C-alpha atoms as a PDB file:
ATOM      1  CA  MET A   1     -15.475  -2.839   3.305  1.00  0.00           C
ATOM      2  CA  SER A   2     -17.166   0.418   4.340  1.00  0.00           C
ATOM      3  CA  GLU A   3     -17.850   3.182   1.844  1.00  0.00           C
ATOM      4  CA  PRO A   4     -15.497   6.188   1.662  1.00  0.00           C
ATOM      5  CA  ALA A   5     -16.999   9.500   2.815  1.00  0.00           C
ATOM      6  CA  TYR A   6     -14.249  11.985   1.972  1.00  0.00           C
ATOM      7  CA  VAL A   7     -10.555  12.401   1.260  1.00  0.00           C
ATOM      8  CA  ALA A   8      -8.263  14.137   3.759  1.00  0.00           C
ATOM      9  CA  VAL A   9      -4.986  15.714   2.625  1.00  0.00           C
ATOM     10  CA  ASP A  10      -2.102  17.193   4.592  1.00  0.00           C
ATOM     11  CA  TRP A  11      -0.126  19.143   1.972  1.00  0.00           C
ATOM     12  CA  GLY A  12       3.130  20.424   3.401  1.00  0.00           C
ATOM     13  CA  THR A  13       6.025  22.326   1.911  1.00  0.00           C
ATOM     14  CA  SER A  14       7.923  19.189   0.919  1.00  0.00           C
ATOM     15  CA  SER A  15       5.529  16.350   1.739  1.00  0.00           C
ATOM     16  CA  PHE A  16       2.118  15.122   0.641  1.00  0.00           C
ATOM     17  CA  ARG A  17      -0.136  12.801   2.650  1.00  0.00           C
ATOM     18  CA  LEU A  18      -3.580  11.619   1.625  1.00  0.00           C
ATOM     19  CA  TRP A  19      -6.127   9.433   3.396  1.00  0.00           C
ATOM     20  CA  LEU A  20      -9.342   7.899   2.071  1.00  0.00           C
ATOM     21  CA  VAL A  21     -11.722   8.007   5.050  1.00  0.00           C
ATOM     22  CA  ASP A  22     -15.153   6.527   5.840  1.00  0.00           C
ATOM     23  CA  ARG A  23     -17.945   8.152   7.857  1.00  0.00           C
ATOM     24  CA  ALA A  24     -16.647   6.670  11.095  1.00  0.00           C
ATOM     25  CA  GLY A  25     -13.257   8.302  10.533  1.00  0.00           C
ATOM     26  CA  GLN A  26     -11.507   5.053   9.689  1.00  0.00           C
ATOM     27  CA  VAL A  27      -8.704   5.163   7.107  1.00  0.00           C
ATOM     28  CA  LEU A  28      -9.463   2.966   4.109  1.00  0.00           C
ATOM     29  CA  ALA A  29      -6.374   3.831   2.060  1.00  0.00           C
ATOM     30  CA  GLU A  30      -3.304   6.044   2.389  1.00  0.00           C
ATOM     31  CA  ARG A  31      -0.792   7.715   0.101  1.00  0.00           C
ATOM     32  CA  ARG A  32       2.461   9.532   0.911  1.00  0.00           C
ATOM     33  CA  SER A  33       4.953  11.246  -1.372  1.00  0.00           C
ATOM     34  CA  GLY A  34       7.479  14.059  -1.604  1.00  0.00           C
ATOM     35  CA  GLU A  35       5.147  16.099  -3.834  1.00  0.00           C
ATOM     36  CA  GLY A  36       4.742  18.967  -1.412  1.00  0.00           C
ATOM     37  CA  MET A  37       3.902  22.543  -2.290  1.00  0.00           C
ATOM     38  CA  LEU A  38       7.315  23.267  -3.816  1.00  0.00           C
ATOM     39  CA  ALA A  39       7.067  20.325  -6.224  1.00  0.00           C
ATOM     40  CA  ALA A  40       3.338  20.688  -6.932  1.00  0.00           C
ATOM     41  CA  ALA A  41       3.720  24.383  -7.763  1.00  0.00           C
ATOM     42  CA  LYS A  42       5.897  23.321 -10.692  1.00  0.00           C
ATOM     43  CA  THR A  43       3.954  20.276 -11.903  1.00  0.00           C
ATOM     44  CA  GLY A  44       0.425  21.415 -11.022  1.00  0.00           C
ATOM     45  CA  PHE A  45      -1.588  20.878  -7.847  1.00  0.00           C
ATOM     46  CA  ALA A  46      -4.635  19.447  -9.591  1.00  0.00           C
ATOM     47  CA  GLY A  47      -2.560  16.842 -11.414  1.00  0.00           C
ATOM     48  CA  VAL A  48      -0.722  15.739  -8.264  1.00  0.00           C
ATOM     49  CA  LEU A  49      -3.955  15.375  -6.314  1.00  0.00           C
ATOM     50  CA  GLN A  50      -5.719  13.498  -9.110  1.00  0.00           C
ATOM     51  CA  SER A  51      -2.878  10.996  -9.463  1.00  0.00           C
ATOM     52  CA  HIS A  52      -3.239  10.044  -5.808  1.00  0.00           C
ATOM     53  CA  LEU A  53      -7.046  10.046  -5.934  1.00  0.00           C
ATOM     54  CA  SER A  54      -6.854   7.631  -8.849  1.00  0.00           C
ATOM     55  CA  ALA A  55      -4.376   5.443  -6.964  1.00  0.00           C
ATOM     56  CA  VAL A  56      -6.837   4.964  -4.085  1.00  0.00           C
ATOM     57  CA  GLU A  57      -9.783   4.687  -6.502  1.00  0.00           C
ATOM     58  CA  ALA A  58     -11.642   7.605  -4.947  1.00  0.00           C
ATOM     59  CA  PRO A  59     -15.081   8.067  -6.580  1.00  0.00           C
ATOM     60  CA  ASP A  60     -15.470  11.225  -8.669  1.00  0.00           C
ATOM     61  CA  HIS A  61     -18.145  12.657  -6.345  1.00  0.00           C
ATOM     62  CA  LEU A  62     -16.040  12.300  -3.185  1.00  0.00           C
ATOM     63  CA  PRO A  63     -15.161  15.646  -1.542  1.00  0.00           C
ATOM     64  CA  VAL A  64     -11.588  16.508  -0.556  1.00  0.00           C
ATOM     65  CA  LEU A  65     -10.460  18.506   2.467  1.00  0.00           C
ATOM     66  CA  VAL A  66      -6.911  19.912   2.478  1.00  0.00           C
ATOM     67  CA  CYS A  67      -4.807  21.536   5.161  1.00  0.00           C
ATOM     68  CA  GLY A  68      -1.280  22.900   4.974  1.00  0.00           C
ATOM     69  CA  MET A  69       0.793  24.803   2.448  1.00  0.00           C
ATOM     70  CA  ALA A  70      -1.525  24.178  -0.501  1.00  0.00           C
ATOM     71  CA  GLY A  71      -3.471  27.103   0.960  1.00  0.00           C
ATOM     72  CA  ALA A  72      -0.478  29.453   1.103  1.00  0.00           C
ATOM     73  CA  LYS A  73      -0.088  32.506  -1.111  1.00  0.00           C
ATOM     74  CA  THR A  74       2.371  30.496  -3.215  1.00  0.00           C
ATOM     75  CA  GLY A  75       0.193  27.357  -3.064  1.00  0.00           C
ATOM     76  CA  TRP A  76      -2.813  26.161  -5.031  1.00  0.00           C
ATOM     77  CA  VAL A  77      -5.462  28.601  -3.774  1.00  0.00           C
ATOM     78  CA  GLU A  78      -4.804  31.074  -0.988  1.00  0.00           C
ATOM     79  CA  ALA A  79      -6.918  30.161   2.029  1.00  0.00           C
ATOM     80  CA  GLY A  80      -5.883  33.167   4.111  1.00  0.00           C
ATOM     81  CA  TYR A  81      -5.593  33.278   7.889  1.00  0.00           C
ATOM     82  CA  VAL A  82      -7.733  33.455  10.987  1.00  0.00           C
ATOM     83  CA  ASP A  83      -6.274  36.138  13.262  1.00  0.00           C
ATOM     84  CA  THR A  84      -5.383  35.544  16.902  1.00  0.00           C
ATOM     85  CA  PRO A  85      -7.115  35.291  19.247  1.00  0.00           C
ATOM     86  CA  ALA A  86      -8.392  32.515  16.968  1.00  0.00           C
ATOM     87  CA  PRO A  87     -11.147  30.115  18.065  1.00  0.00           C
ATOM     88  CA  LEU A  88     -10.402  26.696  16.570  1.00  0.00           C
ATOM     89  CA  THR A  89     -14.044  26.550  15.477  1.00  0.00           C
ATOM     90  CA  SER A  90     -13.491  29.561  13.199  1.00  0.00           C
ATOM     91  CA  ILE A  91     -11.031  27.518  11.128  1.00  0.00           C
ATOM     92  CA  LEU A  92     -13.857  25.222  10.088  1.00  0.00           C
ATOM     93  CA  LYS A  93     -16.001  28.130   8.909  1.00  0.00           C
ATOM     94  CA  GLN A  94     -13.378  29.714   6.650  1.00  0.00           C
ATOM     95  CA  ALA A  95     -12.416  26.806   4.402  1.00  0.00           C
ATOM     96  CA  VAL A  96     -11.935  28.006   0.805  1.00  0.00           C
ATOM     97  CA  ARG A  97     -13.281  26.046  -2.150  1.00  0.00           C
ATOM     98  CA  VAL A  98     -10.924  25.473  -5.072  1.00  0.00           C
ATOM     99  CA  PRO A  99     -12.570  27.075  -8.137  1.00  0.00           C
ATOM    100  CA  GLY A 100     -12.844  25.390 -11.519  1.00  0.00           C
ATOM    101  CA  GLU A 101     -12.909  21.846 -10.118  1.00  0.00           C
ATOM    102  CA  ALA A 102     -15.879  19.532 -10.590  1.00  0.00           C
ATOM    103  CA  ARG A 103     -15.058  17.817  -7.319  1.00  0.00           C
ATOM    104  CA  ASP A 104     -15.735  19.735  -4.070  1.00  0.00           C
ATOM    105  CA  ILE A 105     -12.210  20.529  -2.822  1.00  0.00           C
ATOM    106  CA  ARG A 106     -11.823  22.749   0.259  1.00  0.00           C
ATOM    107  CA  ILE A 107      -8.629  24.156   1.811  1.00  0.00           C
ATOM    108  CA  LEU A 108      -8.497  25.120   5.477  1.00  0.00           C
ATOM    109  CA  PRO A 109      -7.017  28.502   6.499  1.00  0.00           C
ATOM    110  CA  GLY A 110      -3.979  29.028   8.709  1.00  0.00           C
ATOM    111  CA  ILE A 111      -3.634  31.263  11.766  1.00  0.00           C
ATOM    112  CA  ALA A 112      -1.910  34.658  11.819  1.00  0.00           C
ATOM    113  CA  GLN A 113      -0.532  36.568  14.798  1.00  0.00           C
ATOM    114  CA  ARG A 114      -0.632  40.185  13.639  1.00  0.00           C
ATOM    115  CA  ASP A 115       1.503  41.509  16.471  1.00  0.00           C
ATOM    116  CA  ALA A 116       4.197  43.948  15.333  1.00  0.00           C
ATOM    117  CA  GLY A 117       6.417  42.806  18.189  1.00  0.00           C
ATOM    118  CA  ALA A 118       5.933  39.092  17.570  1.00  0.00           C
ATOM    119  CA  PRO A 119       4.475  38.496  14.091  1.00  0.00           C
ATOM    120  CA  ASP A 120       3.926  34.823  13.310  1.00  0.00           C
ATOM    121  CA  VAL A 121       1.981  32.458  11.089  1.00  0.00           C
ATOM    122  CA  MET A 122       1.072  28.791  11.041  1.00  0.00           C
ATOM    123  CA  ARG A 123      -0.453  26.677   8.330  1.00  0.00           C
ATOM    124  CA  GLY A 124      -1.270  23.019   8.914  1.00  0.00           C
ATOM    125  CA  GLU A 125      -0.522  23.053  12.630  1.00  0.00           C
ATOM    126  CA  GLU A 126      -3.951  24.570  13.328  1.00  0.00           C
ATOM    127  CA  THR A 127      -5.502  21.324  12.094  1.00  0.00           C
ATOM    128  CA  GLN A 128      -3.217  19.286  14.363  1.00  0.00           C
ATOM    129  CA  LEU A 129      -4.270  21.520  17.259  1.00  0.00           C
ATOM    130  CA  LEU A 130      -7.895  20.879  16.438  1.00  0.00           C
ATOM    131  CA  GLY A 131      -7.267  17.140  16.425  1.00  0.00           C
ATOM    132  CA  ALA A 132      -5.140  17.145  19.577  1.00  0.00           C
ATOM    133  CA  LEU A 133      -7.351  19.360  21.740  1.00  0.00           C
ATOM    134  CA  GLY A 134     -10.836  19.006  20.229  1.00  0.00           C
ATOM    135  CA  LEU A 135     -13.474  21.645  19.621  1.00  0.00           C
ATOM    136  CA  LYS A 136     -14.619  21.932  23.223  1.00  0.00           C
ATOM    137  CA  ALA A 137     -11.271  22.119  24.996  1.00  0.00           C
ATOM    138  CA  ALA A 138     -11.716  23.902  28.316  1.00  0.00           C
ATOM    139  CA  GLY A 139      -9.011  25.616  30.339  1.00  0.00           C
ATOM    140  CA  GLU A 140      -5.481  26.481  29.326  1.00  0.00           C
ATOM    141  CA  ALA A 141      -3.123  24.396  27.219  1.00  0.00           C
ATOM    142  CA  LEU A 142       0.516  24.774  26.213  1.00  0.00           C
ATOM    143  CA  VAL A 143       1.226  22.760  23.082  1.00  0.00           C
ATOM    144  CA  CYS A 144       4.658  21.920  21.667  1.00  0.00           C
ATOM    145  CA  MET A 145       4.624  20.886  18.009  1.00  0.00           C
ATOM    146  CA  PRO A 146       8.134  19.915  16.816  1.00  0.00           C
ATOM    147  CA  GLY A 147       9.115  20.031  13.174  1.00  0.00           C
ATOM    148  CA  THR A 148      11.093  21.896  10.561  1.00  0.00           C
ATOM    149  CA  HIS A 149       9.494  24.982  12.079  1.00  0.00           C
ATOM    150  CA  SER A 150       8.465  24.033  15.623  1.00  0.00           C
ATOM    151  CA  LYS A 151       5.429  25.734  17.137  1.00  0.00           C
ATOM    152  CA  TRP A 152       4.709  26.505  20.778  1.00  0.00           C
ATOM    153  CA  VAL A 153       1.047  27.422  21.158  1.00  0.00           C
ATOM    154  CA  ARG A 154      -0.973  28.758  24.073  1.00  0.00           C
ATOM    155  CA  VAL A 155      -4.657  27.876  23.878  1.00  0.00           C
ATOM    156  CA  LYS A 156      -7.393  28.943  26.282  1.00  0.00           C
ATOM    157  CA  ASP A 157     -10.918  27.519  26.127  1.00  0.00           C
ATOM    158  CA  GLY A 158     -10.450  26.419  22.529  1.00  0.00           C
ATOM    159  CA  THR A 159      -8.970  29.724  21.352  1.00  0.00           C
ATOM    160  CA  VAL A 160      -5.395  30.157  20.138  1.00  0.00           C
ATOM    161  CA  GLU A 161      -4.176  33.197  22.051  1.00  0.00           C
ATOM    162  CA  HIS A 162      -0.456  33.255  21.225  1.00  0.00           C
ATOM    163  CA  PHE A 163       2.164  31.152  19.480  1.00  0.00           C
ATOM    164  CA  SER A 164       5.850  31.186  18.605  1.00  0.00           C
ATOM    165  CA  THR A 165       7.731  29.515  15.758  1.00  0.00           C
ATOM    166  CA  PHE A 166      11.264  28.137  16.152  1.00  0.00           C
ATOM    167  CA  MET A 167      13.301  27.159  13.085  1.00  0.00           C
ATOM    168  CA  THR A 168      14.850  24.268  14.991  1.00  0.00           C
ATOM    169  CA  GLY A 169      14.569  21.565  12.347  1.00  0.00           C
ATOM    170  CA  GLU A 170      15.650  23.786   9.481  1.00  0.00           C
ATOM    171  CA  LEU A 171      18.605  25.154  11.446  1.00  0.00           C
ATOM    172  CA  PHE A 172      19.740  21.628  12.269  1.00  0.00           C
ATOM    173  CA  SER A 173      19.616  20.710   8.574  1.00  0.00           C
ATOM    174  CA  VAL A 174      21.513  23.799   7.422  1.00  0.00           C
ATOM    175  CA  ILE A 175      24.116  23.766  10.207  1.00  0.00           C
ATOM    176  CA  SER A 176      24.873  20.069   9.830  1.00  0.00           C
ATOM    177  CA  ARG A 177      25.217  20.340   6.046  1.00  0.00           C
ATOM    178  CA  GLU A 178      26.439  23.820   5.191  1.00  0.00           C
ATOM    179  CA  THR A 179      28.780  24.931   7.996  1.00  0.00           C
ATOM    180  CA  ILE A 180      32.139  23.900   9.449  1.00  0.00           C
ATOM    181  CA  LEU A 181      30.211  21.580  11.746  1.00  0.00           C
ATOM    182  CA  SER A 182      29.424  19.374   8.756  1.00  0.00           C
ATOM    183  CA  LEU A 183      32.970  18.021   9.201  1.00  0.00           C
ATOM    184  CA  ALA A 184      32.177  16.953  12.761  1.00  0.00           C
ATOM    185  CA  VAL A 185      29.046  15.006  11.800  1.00  0.00           C
ATOM    186  CA  ALA A 186      30.375  13.546   8.535  1.00  0.00           C
ATOM    187  CA  GLY A 187      29.913   9.804   8.488  1.00  0.00           C
ATOM    188  CA  ALA A 188      27.444   9.759  11.386  1.00  0.00           C
ATOM    189  CA  ASP A 189      25.401   6.576  11.220  1.00  0.00           C
ATOM    190  CA  ASP A 190      22.036   5.799  12.774  1.00  0.00           C
ATOM    191  CA  ALA A 191      23.611   5.034  16.133  1.00  0.00           C
ATOM    192  CA  GLU A 192      22.177   7.141  18.939  1.00  0.00           C
ATOM    193  CA  ASP A 193      24.147   8.884  21.652  1.00  0.00           C
ATOM    194  CA  VAL A 194      21.543   9.680  24.260  1.00  0.00           C
ATOM    195  CA  ALA A 195      24.098  10.920  26.790  1.00  0.00           C
ATOM    196  CA  SER A 196      25.508  13.525  24.382  1.00  0.00           C
ATOM    197  CA  PHE A 197      22.018  14.613  23.367  1.00  0.00           C
ATOM    198  CA  LYS A 198      20.784  15.050  26.941  1.00  0.00           C
ATOM    199  CA  ALA A 199      23.936  16.870  28.015  1.00  0.00           C
ATOM    200  CA  ALA A 200      23.534  19.304  25.123  1.00  0.00           C
ATOM    201  CA  VAL A 201      19.842  19.858  25.938  1.00  0.00           C
ATOM    202  CA  LYS A 202      20.668  20.716  29.551  1.00  0.00           C
ATOM    203  CA  ALA A 203      23.567  23.023  28.648  1.00  0.00           C
ATOM    204  CA  ALA A 204      21.514  24.995  26.117  1.00  0.00           C
ATOM    205  CA  PHE A 205      18.451  25.127  28.358  1.00  0.00           C
ATOM    206  CA  GLU A 206      20.516  26.561  31.218  1.00  0.00           C
ATOM    207  CA  ALA A 207      22.418  29.044  29.024  1.00  0.00           C
ATOM    208  CA  PRO A 208      20.470  29.660  25.784  1.00  0.00           C
ATOM    209  CA  ALA A 209      22.410  32.884  25.149  1.00  0.00           C
ATOM    210  CA  PHE A 210      25.474  30.680  24.581  1.00  0.00           C
ATOM    211  CA  ALA A 211      23.754  28.484  21.976  1.00  0.00           C
ATOM    212  CA  ALA A 212      26.056  29.552  19.126  1.00  0.00           C
ATOM    213  CA  ASN A 213      29.079  28.839  21.308  1.00  0.00           C
ATOM    214  CA  LEU A 214      27.681  25.470  22.414  1.00  0.00           C
ATOM    215  CA  LEU A 215      27.137  24.494  18.790  1.00  0.00           C
ATOM    216  CA  PHE A 216      30.799  25.076  17.936  1.00  0.00           C
ATOM    217  CA  GLY A 217      31.685  22.917  20.910  1.00  0.00           C
ATOM    218  CA  ALA A 218      30.550  19.900  18.889  1.00  0.00           C
ATOM    219  CA  ARG A 219      33.620  20.389  16.682  1.00  0.00           C
ATOM    220  CA  SER A 220      36.154  21.636  19.222  1.00  0.00           C
ATOM    221  CA  ARG A 221      35.312  18.840  21.658  1.00  0.00           C
ATOM    222  CA  GLN A 222      35.766  16.276  18.889  1.00  0.00           C
ATOM    223  CA  LEU A 223      39.129  17.755  17.837  1.00  0.00           C
ATOM    224  CA  LEU A 224      40.514  18.004  21.364  1.00  0.00           C
ATOM    225  CA  PHE A 225      38.996  15.049  23.160  1.00  0.00           C
ATOM    226  CA  GLY A 226      37.781  12.726  20.405  1.00  0.00           C
ATOM    227  CA  GLY A 227      34.232  11.513  19.961  1.00  0.00           C
ATOM    228  CA  THR A 228      32.107  10.012  17.245  1.00  0.00           C
ATOM    229  CA  PRO A 229      30.289  11.823  14.462  1.00  0.00           C
ATOM    230  CA  ALA A 230      27.061  10.545  16.041  1.00  0.00           C
ATOM    231  CA  ALA A 231      27.959  12.282  19.316  1.00  0.00           C
ATOM    232  CA  ALA A 232      28.572  15.527  17.412  1.00  0.00           C
ATOM    233  CA  ARG A 233      25.258  15.194  15.573  1.00  0.00           C
ATOM    234  CA  GLU A 234      23.373  14.602  18.821  1.00  0.00           C
ATOM    235  CA  THR A 235      25.130  17.614  20.355  1.00  0.00           C
ATOM    236  CA  LEU A 236      23.870  19.818  17.517  1.00  0.00           C
ATOM    237  CA  SER A 237      20.358  18.454  17.863  1.00  0.00           C
ATOM    238  CA  GLY A 238      20.329  18.694  21.645  1.00  0.00           C
ATOM    239  CA  THR A 239      21.681  22.249  21.642  1.00  0.00           C
ATOM    240  CA  LEU A 240      19.024  23.509  19.237  1.00  0.00           C
ATOM    241  CA  ILE A 241      16.195  21.698  21.017  1.00  0.00           C
ATOM    242  CA  GLY A 242      17.461  22.813  24.441  1.00  0.00           C
ATOM    243  CA  ALA A 243      17.490  26.451  23.322  1.00  0.00           C
ATOM    244  CA  GLU A 244      13.958  26.034  21.943  1.00  0.00           C
ATOM    245  CA  LEU A 245      12.713  24.547  25.214  1.00  0.00           C
ATOM    246  CA  ALA A 246      14.324  27.386  27.178  1.00  0.00           C
ATOM    247  CA  ALA A 247      12.086  29.809  25.301  1.00  0.00           C
ATOM    248  CA  GLY A 248       9.016  27.576  25.201  1.00  0.00           C
ATOM    249  CA  LEU A 249       9.079  26.926  28.945  1.00  0.00           C
ATOM    250  CA  SER A 250       9.973  30.495  29.907  1.00  0.00           C
ATOM    251  CA  GLY A 251       6.372  31.508  30.576  1.00  0.00           C
ATOM    252  CA  ASN A 252       3.791  30.039  32.919  1.00  0.00           C
ATOM    253  CA  VAL A 253       3.138  26.356  32.355  1.00  0.00           C
ATOM    254  CA  PRO A 254      -0.567  25.501  32.808  1.00  0.00           C
ATOM    255  CA  LYS A 255      -1.572  23.097  35.570  1.00  0.00           C
ATOM    256  CA  THR A 256      -2.547  20.659  32.820  1.00  0.00           C
ATOM    257  CA  GLY A 257       1.110  20.550  31.758  1.00  0.00           C
ATOM    258  CA  ILE A 258       2.388  20.395  28.203  1.00  0.00           C
ATOM    259  CA  THR A 259       0.900  18.594  25.236  1.00  0.00           C
ATOM    260  CA  LEU A 260       3.545  17.282  22.835  1.00  0.00           C
ATOM    261  CA  VAL A 261       2.216  16.688  19.320  1.00  0.00           C
ATOM    262  CA  ALA A 262       4.854  14.631  17.535  1.00  0.00           C
ATOM    263  CA  SER A 263       5.576  11.271  15.960  1.00  0.00           C
ATOM    264  CA  GLY A 264       8.564   9.145  14.981  1.00  0.00           C
ATOM    265  CA  ARG A 265      12.081  10.289  15.829  1.00  0.00           C
ATOM    266  CA  LEU A 266      10.950  13.797  16.748  1.00  0.00           C
ATOM    267  CA  ALA A 267       8.663  12.374  19.420  1.00  0.00           C
ATOM    268  CA  THR A 268      11.561  10.343  20.811  1.00  0.00           C
ATOM    269  CA  LEU A 269      13.986  13.289  20.840  1.00  0.00           C
ATOM    270  CA  TYR A 270      11.591  15.741  22.467  1.00  0.00           C
ATOM    271  CA  GLN A 271      10.511  13.196  25.081  1.00  0.00           C
ATOM    272  CA  LEU A 272      14.196  12.662  25.940  1.00  0.00           C
ATOM    273  CA  ALA A 273      14.704  16.418  26.121  1.00  0.00           C
ATOM    274  CA  PHE A 274      11.709  16.961  28.385  1.00  0.00           C
ATOM    275  CA  ASP A 275      12.821  14.035  30.541  1.00  0.00           C
ATOM    276  CA  GLU A 276      16.224  15.650  31.037  1.00  0.00           C
ATOM    277  CA  LEU A 277      14.405  18.731  32.344  1.00  0.00           C
ATOM    278  CA  SER A 278      12.122  16.632  34.590  1.00  0.00           C
ATOM    279  CA  VAL A 279       9.048  17.559  32.548  1.00  0.00           C
ATOM    280  CA  THR A 280       6.492  14.929  31.526  1.00  0.00           C
ATOM    281  CA  PRO A 281       4.361  16.013  28.552  1.00  0.00           C
ATOM    282  CA  ARG A 282       1.170  14.381  27.310  1.00  0.00           C
ATOM    283  CA  LEU A 283       2.071  12.818  23.956  1.00  0.00           C
ATOM    284  CA  VAL A 284      -0.306  13.016  21.000  1.00  0.00           C
ATOM    285  CA  ASP A 285       0.718  11.331  17.752  1.00  0.00           C
ATOM    286  CA  ALA A 286       1.078  14.024  15.067  1.00  0.00           C
ATOM    287  CA  ASP A 287      -0.325  11.877  12.250  1.00  0.00           C
ATOM    288  CA  GLU A 288      -3.356  10.929  14.310  1.00  0.00           C
ATOM    289  CA  ALA A 289      -3.856  14.564  15.332  1.00  0.00           C
ATOM    290  CA  VAL A 290      -3.966  15.890  11.773  1.00  0.00           C
ATOM    291  CA  ARG A 291      -6.286  13.093  10.636  1.00  0.00           C
ATOM    292  CA  HIS A 292      -8.576  13.699  13.595  1.00  0.00           C
ATOM    293  CA  GLY A 293      -8.562  17.436  12.930  1.00  0.00           C
ATOM    294  CA  LEU A 294      -9.402  16.924   9.264  1.00  0.00           C
ATOM    295  CA  SER A 295     -12.165  14.495  10.279  1.00  0.00           C
ATOM    296  CA  MET A 296     -13.775  17.071  12.596  1.00  0.00           C
ATOM    297  CA  ALA A 297     -13.478  19.740   9.937  1.00  0.00           C
ATOM    298  CA  ALA A 298     -15.002  17.492   7.251  1.00  0.00           C
ATOM    299  CA  ALA A 299     -17.931  16.626   9.526  1.00  0.00           C
ATOM    300  CA  ALA A 300     -18.543  20.320  10.214  1.00  0.00           C
ATOM    301  CA  ILE A 301     -18.324  21.327   6.558  1.00  0.00           C
ATOM    302  CA  TRP A 302     -20.302  18.581   4.852  1.00  0.00           C
ATOM    303  CA  THR A 303     -22.833  17.536   7.472  1.00  0.00           C
ATOM    304  CA  SER A 304     -23.766  20.909   8.930  1.00  0.00           C
END
C-alpha cells in the first residue's frame, strides 16, 4: 500500500467528506458523514475532523486541505473570498491556515461577485471548477453545477468572470414539505416518472414567468385528472429545473458547449432536462471534480 501524502476534505453546510490521498492522487481511505458546518459549529470543528482522521489512521504529521463551508464566516476559520474576475490559480494562493493546530490545516477561499446588481458568492464550487476545468483551461466555458444552491459559471481562459446561484434544490425541499403541494407528493415512492419530469422542464423553460403557476398545477392536475404522487413530485422538480435552465441558457452558449458537474440522481435529472431541450452537456462527476481540485491545490501548496 502506498504512503498517504495529505488529507482532502469537502466540508459543506450539512455534509462532511474526507479522503486520505497518496502522492499520485489515489484515494486510500474515505469517510462521509452528516457533520457539516451546522453540526460542527455546535460540537467543534477540530473534534469532528480529528475523529475522522483517527478513523482513517492518518499520521499526525499529515497536512489537511479543506474546501467548503468550514471557511465561511460562521465556519471554523474564515477563508474570505477571491473577487471576480477570479483566476482559478488565485484560489490556491489564498488558502488560510487554521491557527492553534499542530497539524498543517489549510482552508481554501471562496469566490465573491461584488456586483451591486448581481451580488453572489460561492464556497466549495470553486474547487470543483478547478478540478473540472484544470489550471490551464483555454477559451470560454459555461459550467452548470446542480445542488441545493445550483451555480451557473462563465469561465474564460481559467478566470471566473461571472456566476449565478439558483436555490433550486432548497426550493424543491421547502415546497415539497412545507406548502400545500406537500399533499400532492405525500406517499411518493422511488418510482420515476420521466414523462412528467420532462414535460414540466419544457413548460417551465418555455414560460419561466409562469413557474409559480406551473408548480400549483402539480396539485390541481392531480385533483382534476388523477395522477400519482411520484408524477406530482417529478412535476415540481422539473418545473424548478426548467426555470433554472431558462435563465442559465439565456446568454450565449460557448462553442465548447456546457459542462455539467454533477453526480448521482442530480446528474440523471439534469441530463434528462438537457436532453428534453436538445442540449448535450459534457458530464464531469462532482465527487471526482472536487477531489481533483483539492489534489491540484495540495500539490501547489505543499510542493511549490
